[in-house]
Amino acid sequence: MSVQSTLEQKITEALHPMHLDVVNESHTHNVPAGSESHFKVTVVAQEFEGKMLVARHRILNELLANELAGAIHALSLHTMTPAEWEEKGGIVPTSPPCRGGSKARTS
């Protein structure tokens, strides 16, 4: 199973999100083709109601501890309640471009 599929499955089973988007952004970084090491995850779940942002992130970090200890190098989290998702119009920030590790850059 791919890392992306594993993330999707674990989050879905644990949080039953109203909306889940797991995007493999590895191709925008200096990694081998086909890598699964950089992800942007958007989770909209009732489970986040009444929880501060850090508590929401802890839930996901604990849930994905094995992947974070191995395959995942970077994980961008966007965690919202259904009301917050609606308020934002279903839009999450665009990831900034990778600023490091470019093979094209010379010293």
N, C-alpha and C. Protein backbone atom coordinates (compact mmCIF):
# COMPACT_ATOMS: atom_id res chain seq x y z
N MET A 1 0.85 -1.18 0.00
CA MET A 1 0.00 0.00 0.00
C MET A 1 0.89 1.24 0.00
N SER A 2 0.52 2.23 -0.76
CA SER A 2 1.31 3.46 -0.83
C SER A 2 1.20 4.23 0.48
N VAL A 3 2.16 5.10 0.72
CA VAL A 3 2.13 5.94 1.92
C VAL A 3 0.87 6.80 1.89
N GLN A 4 0.54 7.36 0.74
CA GLN A 4 -0.64 8.20 0.62
C GLN A 4 -1.91 7.42 0.98
N SER A 5 -2.03 6.21 0.49
CA SER A 5 -3.19 5.37 0.81
C SER A 5 -3.25 5.04 2.29
N THR A 6 -2.09 4.79 2.88
CA THR A 6 -2.03 4.49 4.31
C THR A 6 -2.53 5.68 5.12
N LEU A 7 -2.08 6.88 4.76
CA LEU A 7 -2.52 8.09 5.46
C LEU A 7 -4.03 8.24 5.34
N GLU A 8 -4.54 8.09 4.13
CA GLU A 8 -5.98 8.23 3.89
C GLU A 8 -6.77 7.23 4.73
N GLN A 9 -6.32 5.99 4.74
CA GLN A 9 -7.02 4.94 5.47
C GLN A 9 -7.01 5.18 6.97
N LYS A 10 -5.85 5.48 7.53
CA LYS A 10 -5.74 5.70 8.97
C LYS A 10 -6.59 6.89 9.43
N ILE A 11 -6.54 7.98 8.68
CA ILE A 11 -7.30 9.17 9.06
C ILE A 11 -8.80 8.91 8.94
N THR A 12 -9.20 8.27 7.87
CA THR A 12 -10.61 7.97 7.66
C THR A 12 -11.16 7.07 8.77
N GLU A 13 -10.43 6.01 9.08
CA GLU A 13 -10.89 5.07 10.11
C GLU A 13 -10.95 5.70 11.49
N ALA A 14 -10.02 6.59 11.81
CA ALA A 14 -9.96 7.17 13.15
C ALA A 14 -10.89 8.37 13.34
N LEU A 15 -11.03 9.19 12.30
CA LEU A 15 -11.74 10.46 12.47
C LEU A 15 -13.05 10.58 11.69
N HIS A 16 -13.29 9.69 10.76
CA HIS A 16 -14.50 9.75 9.92
C HIS A 16 -14.73 11.19 9.42
N PRO A 17 -13.75 11.73 8.70
CA PRO A 17 -13.84 13.15 8.31
C PRO A 17 -14.96 13.44 7.32
N MET A 18 -15.47 14.65 7.42
CA MET A 18 -16.44 15.16 6.46
C MET A 18 -15.72 15.42 5.13
N HIS A 19 -14.45 15.82 5.23
CA HIS A 19 -13.62 16.07 4.05
C HIS A 19 -12.20 15.67 4.38
N LEU A 20 -11.55 14.99 3.44
CA LEU A 20 -10.16 14.59 3.59
C LEU A 20 -9.47 14.74 2.24
N ASP A 21 -8.35 15.43 2.25
CA ASP A 21 -7.55 15.58 1.04
C ASP A 21 -6.10 15.35 1.43
N VAL A 22 -5.51 14.31 0.88
CA VAL A 22 -4.11 13.98 1.12
C VAL A 22 -3.38 14.16 -0.21
N VAL A 23 -2.49 15.14 -0.25
CA VAL A 23 -1.78 15.48 -1.49
C VAL A 23 -0.30 15.16 -1.33
N ASN A 24 0.22 14.34 -2.22
CA ASN A 24 1.64 14.03 -2.24
C ASN A 24 2.35 15.18 -2.97
N GLU A 25 3.08 15.99 -2.23
CA GLU A 25 3.79 17.12 -2.82
C GLU A 25 5.29 16.83 -3.01
N SER A 26 5.65 15.58 -2.93
CA SER A 26 7.06 15.19 -3.04
C SER A 26 7.69 15.66 -4.35
N HIS A 27 6.91 15.64 -5.43
CA HIS A 27 7.45 16.02 -6.74
C HIS A 27 7.93 17.47 -6.78
N THR A 28 7.53 18.30 -5.81
CA THR A 28 7.96 19.70 -5.78
C THR A 28 9.24 19.88 -4.97
N HIS A 29 9.81 18.78 -4.52
CA HIS A 29 11.03 18.81 -3.71
C HIS A 29 12.13 18.01 -4.38
N ASN A 30 13.33 18.15 -3.86
CA ASN A 30 14.50 17.48 -4.42
C ASN A 30 14.57 16.06 -3.87
N VAL A 31 13.69 15.22 -4.40
CA VAL A 31 13.64 13.81 -4.00
C VAL A 31 13.56 12.96 -5.26
N PRO A 32 13.87 11.68 -5.17
CA PRO A 32 13.78 10.82 -6.36
C PRO A 32 12.35 10.75 -6.90
N ALA A 33 12.24 10.57 -8.19
CA ALA A 33 10.92 10.44 -8.83
C ALA A 33 10.14 9.32 -8.15
N GLY A 34 8.86 9.54 -7.94
CA GLY A 34 8.00 8.54 -7.33
C GLY A 34 8.03 8.52 -5.81
N SER A 35 8.75 9.46 -5.21
CA SER A 35 8.85 9.50 -3.74
C SER A 35 7.51 9.84 -3.10
N GLU A 36 7.36 9.38 -1.88
CA GLU A 36 6.21 9.72 -1.05
C GLU A 36 6.74 10.16 0.31
N SER A 37 7.23 11.39 0.34
CA SER A 37 7.88 11.88 1.56
C SER A 37 7.36 13.22 2.04
N HIS A 38 6.66 13.97 1.19
CA HIS A 38 6.16 15.30 1.53
C HIS A 38 4.66 15.33 1.24
N PHE A 39 3.86 15.58 2.30
CA PHE A 39 2.41 15.56 2.13
C PHE A 39 1.74 16.79 2.70
N LYS A 40 0.66 17.18 2.06
CA LYS A 40 -0.23 18.23 2.55
C LYS A 40 -1.55 17.53 2.85
N VAL A 41 -2.00 17.62 4.10
CA VAL A 41 -3.21 16.92 4.53
C VAL A 41 -4.22 17.92 5.05
N THR A 42 -5.41 17.87 4.47
CA THR A 42 -6.53 18.68 4.92
C THR A 42 -7.57 17.74 5.50
N VAL A 43 -7.92 17.96 6.76
CA VAL A 43 -8.91 17.12 7.44
C VAL A 43 -9.98 18.02 8.04
N VAL A 44 -11.23 17.73 7.68
CA VAL A 44 -12.37 18.43 8.26
C VAL A 44 -13.16 17.38 9.03
N ALA A 45 -13.20 17.53 10.36
CA ALA A 45 -13.85 16.51 11.18
C ALA A 45 -14.52 17.12 12.40
N GLN A 46 -15.63 16.54 12.76
CA GLN A 46 -16.36 16.95 13.96
C GLN A 46 -15.50 16.73 15.21
N GLU A 47 -14.60 15.75 15.15
CA GLU A 47 -13.69 15.43 16.25
C GLU A 47 -12.88 16.65 16.71
N PHE A 48 -12.66 17.61 15.83
CA PHE A 48 -11.85 18.78 16.15
C PHE A 48 -12.62 19.87 16.89
N GLU A 49 -13.94 19.71 16.99
CA GLU A 49 -14.78 20.70 17.67
C GLU A 49 -14.28 20.92 19.10
N GLY A 50 -14.05 22.19 19.45
CA GLY A 50 -13.62 22.54 20.81
C GLY A 50 -12.15 22.30 21.10
N LYS A 51 -11.39 21.86 20.11
CA LYS A 51 -9.96 21.60 20.31
C LYS A 51 -9.12 22.70 19.66
N MET A 52 -8.07 23.09 20.38
CA MET A 52 -7.14 24.07 19.84
C MET A 52 -6.34 23.42 18.71
N LEU A 53 -5.73 24.24 17.88
CA LEU A 53 -4.97 23.76 16.74
C LEU A 53 -3.90 22.75 17.13
N VAL A 54 -3.17 23.02 18.20
CA VAL A 54 -2.10 22.11 18.61
C VAL A 54 -2.66 20.74 19.01
N ALA A 55 -3.83 20.71 19.64
CA ALA A 55 -4.44 19.43 20.01
C ALA A 55 -4.87 18.65 18.77
N ARG A 56 -5.36 19.35 17.77
CA ARG A 56 -5.75 18.70 16.50
C ARG A 56 -4.53 18.07 15.84
N HIS A 57 -3.44 18.82 15.82
CA HIS A 57 -2.22 18.32 15.19
C HIS A 57 -1.65 17.14 15.98
N ARG A 58 -1.76 17.18 17.30
CA ARG A 58 -1.28 16.06 18.12
C ARG A 58 -2.05 14.78 17.78
N ILE A 59 -3.35 14.92 17.57
CA ILE A 59 -4.17 13.75 17.20
C ILE A 59 -3.59 13.10 15.95
N LEU A 60 -3.33 13.91 14.94
CA LEU A 60 -2.81 13.38 13.68
C LEU A 60 -1.37 12.89 13.81
N ASN A 61 -0.55 13.61 14.56
CA ASN A 61 0.83 13.18 14.76
C ASN A 61 0.89 11.83 15.47
N GLU A 62 0.04 11.61 16.45
CA GLU A 62 0.00 10.33 17.15
C GLU A 62 -0.53 9.23 16.23
N LEU A 63 -1.56 9.55 15.47
CA LEU A 63 -2.17 8.60 14.55
C LEU A 63 -1.17 8.14 13.48
N LEU A 64 -0.33 9.07 13.03
CA LEU A 64 0.60 8.80 11.93
C LEU A 64 2.05 8.66 12.41
N ALA A 65 2.23 8.31 13.67
CA ALA A 65 3.57 8.24 14.26
C ALA A 65 4.51 7.31 13.50
N ASN A 66 4.03 6.16 13.08
CA ASN A 66 4.90 5.22 12.35
C ASN A 66 5.37 5.82 11.04
N GLU A 67 4.49 6.47 10.32
CA GLU A 67 4.86 7.06 9.03
C GLU A 67 5.80 8.25 9.23
N LEU A 68 5.56 9.04 10.28
CA LEU A 68 6.43 10.18 10.57
C LEU A 68 7.82 9.73 11.02
N ALA A 69 7.91 8.56 11.59
CA ALA A 69 9.20 8.03 12.03
C ALA A 69 9.97 7.39 10.88
N GLY A 70 9.31 7.23 9.74
CA GLY A 70 9.95 6.56 8.62
C GLY A 70 9.84 7.31 7.32
N ALA A 71 8.83 7.01 6.55
CA ALA A 71 8.71 7.47 5.18
C ALA A 71 8.47 8.97 5.03
N ILE A 72 7.78 9.58 5.96
CA ILE A 72 7.39 10.99 5.79
C ILE A 72 8.48 11.92 6.31
N HIS A 73 8.90 12.82 5.45
CA HIS A 73 9.89 13.84 5.80
C HIS A 73 9.19 15.14 6.21
N ALA A 74 8.09 15.48 5.51
CA ALA A 74 7.38 16.73 5.78
C ALA A 74 5.88 16.50 5.70
N LEU A 75 5.17 17.08 6.68
CA LEU A 75 3.72 16.93 6.73
C LEU A 75 3.10 18.28 7.06
N SER A 76 2.35 18.81 6.12
CA SER A 76 1.63 20.07 6.31
C SER A 76 0.19 19.72 6.67
N LEU A 77 -0.27 20.21 7.83
CA LEU A 77 -1.61 19.87 8.30
C LEU A 77 -2.54 21.07 8.30
N HIS A 78 -3.73 20.87 7.76
CA HIS A 78 -4.80 21.86 7.79
C HIS A 78 -5.99 21.14 8.42
N THR A 79 -6.28 21.48 9.67
CA THR A 79 -7.31 20.77 10.43
C THR A 79 -8.43 21.73 10.79
N MET A 80 -9.65 21.36 10.43
CA MET A 80 -10.79 22.26 10.64
C MET A 80 -12.03 21.50 11.08
N THR A 81 -12.91 22.22 11.75
CA THR A 81 -14.24 21.70 12.04
C THR A 81 -15.08 21.95 10.79
N PRO A 82 -16.23 21.30 10.67
CA PRO A 82 -17.10 21.58 9.52
C PRO A 82 -17.47 23.06 9.40
N ALA A 83 -17.72 23.72 10.52
CA ALA A 83 -18.08 25.15 10.49
C ALA A 83 -16.91 26.00 9.98
N GLU A 84 -15.69 25.68 10.41
CA GLU A 84 -14.51 26.41 9.95
C GLU A 84 -14.29 26.19 8.46
N TRP A 85 -14.49 24.97 8.00
CA TRP A 85 -14.35 24.62 6.59
C TRP A 85 -15.32 25.45 5.75
N GLU A 86 -16.56 25.51 6.22
CA GLU A 86 -17.58 26.27 5.50
C GLU A 86 -17.24 27.77 5.49
N GLU A 87 -16.78 28.27 6.64
CA GLU A 87 -16.40 29.68 6.75
C GLU A 87 -15.28 30.05 5.79
N LYS A 88 -14.34 29.12 5.57
CA LYS A 88 -13.22 29.36 4.66
C LYS A 88 -13.57 29.06 3.21
N GLY A 89 -14.79 28.64 2.98
CA GLY A 89 -15.22 28.35 1.62
C GLY A 89 -14.54 27.12 1.03
N GLY A 90 -14.08 26.22 1.88
CA GLY A 90 -13.44 25.01 1.40
C GLY A 90 -12.08 25.25 0.77
N ILE A 91 -11.43 26.31 1.17
CA ILE A 91 -10.13 26.66 0.58
C ILE A 91 -9.03 26.56 1.63
N VAL A 92 -7.92 25.94 1.26
CA VAL A 92 -6.75 25.88 2.12
C VAL A 92 -5.60 26.61 1.42
N PRO A 93 -4.64 27.10 2.19
CA PRO A 93 -3.52 27.82 1.58
C PRO A 93 -2.73 26.94 0.62
N THR A 94 -2.19 27.55 -0.40
CA THR A 94 -1.30 26.87 -1.33
C THR A 94 0.04 26.68 -0.65
N SER A 95 0.65 25.55 -0.87
CA SER A 95 1.97 25.31 -0.28
C SER A 95 3.00 26.19 -0.95
N PRO A 96 3.93 26.73 -0.17
CA PRO A 96 4.99 27.55 -0.75
C PRO A 96 5.95 26.67 -1.54
N PRO A 97 6.67 27.25 -2.48
CA PRO A 97 7.64 26.45 -3.23
C PRO A 97 8.79 26.00 -2.33
N CYS A 98 9.34 24.86 -2.67
CA CYS A 98 10.49 24.34 -1.93
C CYS A 98 11.66 25.31 -2.10
N ARG A 99 12.32 25.63 -0.99
CA ARG A 99 13.42 26.58 -1.05
C ARG A 99 14.78 25.96 -0.79
N GLY A 100 14.81 24.66 -0.65
CA GLY A 100 16.10 24.05 -0.31
C GLY A 100 16.36 22.77 -1.08
N GLY A 101 17.61 22.43 -1.15
CA GLY A 101 18.01 21.15 -1.70
C GLY A 101 17.94 21.03 -3.20
N SER A 102 17.87 22.12 -3.92
CA SER A 102 17.75 22.05 -5.36
C SER A 102 19.03 21.53 -6.01
N LYS A 103 18.90 20.56 -6.89
CA LYS A 103 20.04 20.03 -7.63
C LYS A 103 20.60 21.08 -8.59
N ALA A 104 19.74 22.01 -8.98
CA ALA A 104 20.14 23.02 -9.96
C ALA A 104 21.02 24.10 -9.33
N ARG A 105 20.94 24.26 -8.00
CA ARG A 105 21.69 25.28 -7.33
C ARG A 105 23.15 24.87 -7.16
N THR A 106 24.04 25.79 -7.37
CA THR A 106 25.46 25.50 -7.16
C THR A 106 25.99 26.35 -6.02
N SER A 107 27.02 25.88 -5.38
CA SER A 107 27.59 26.61 -4.23
C SER A 107 28.47 27.74 -4.68
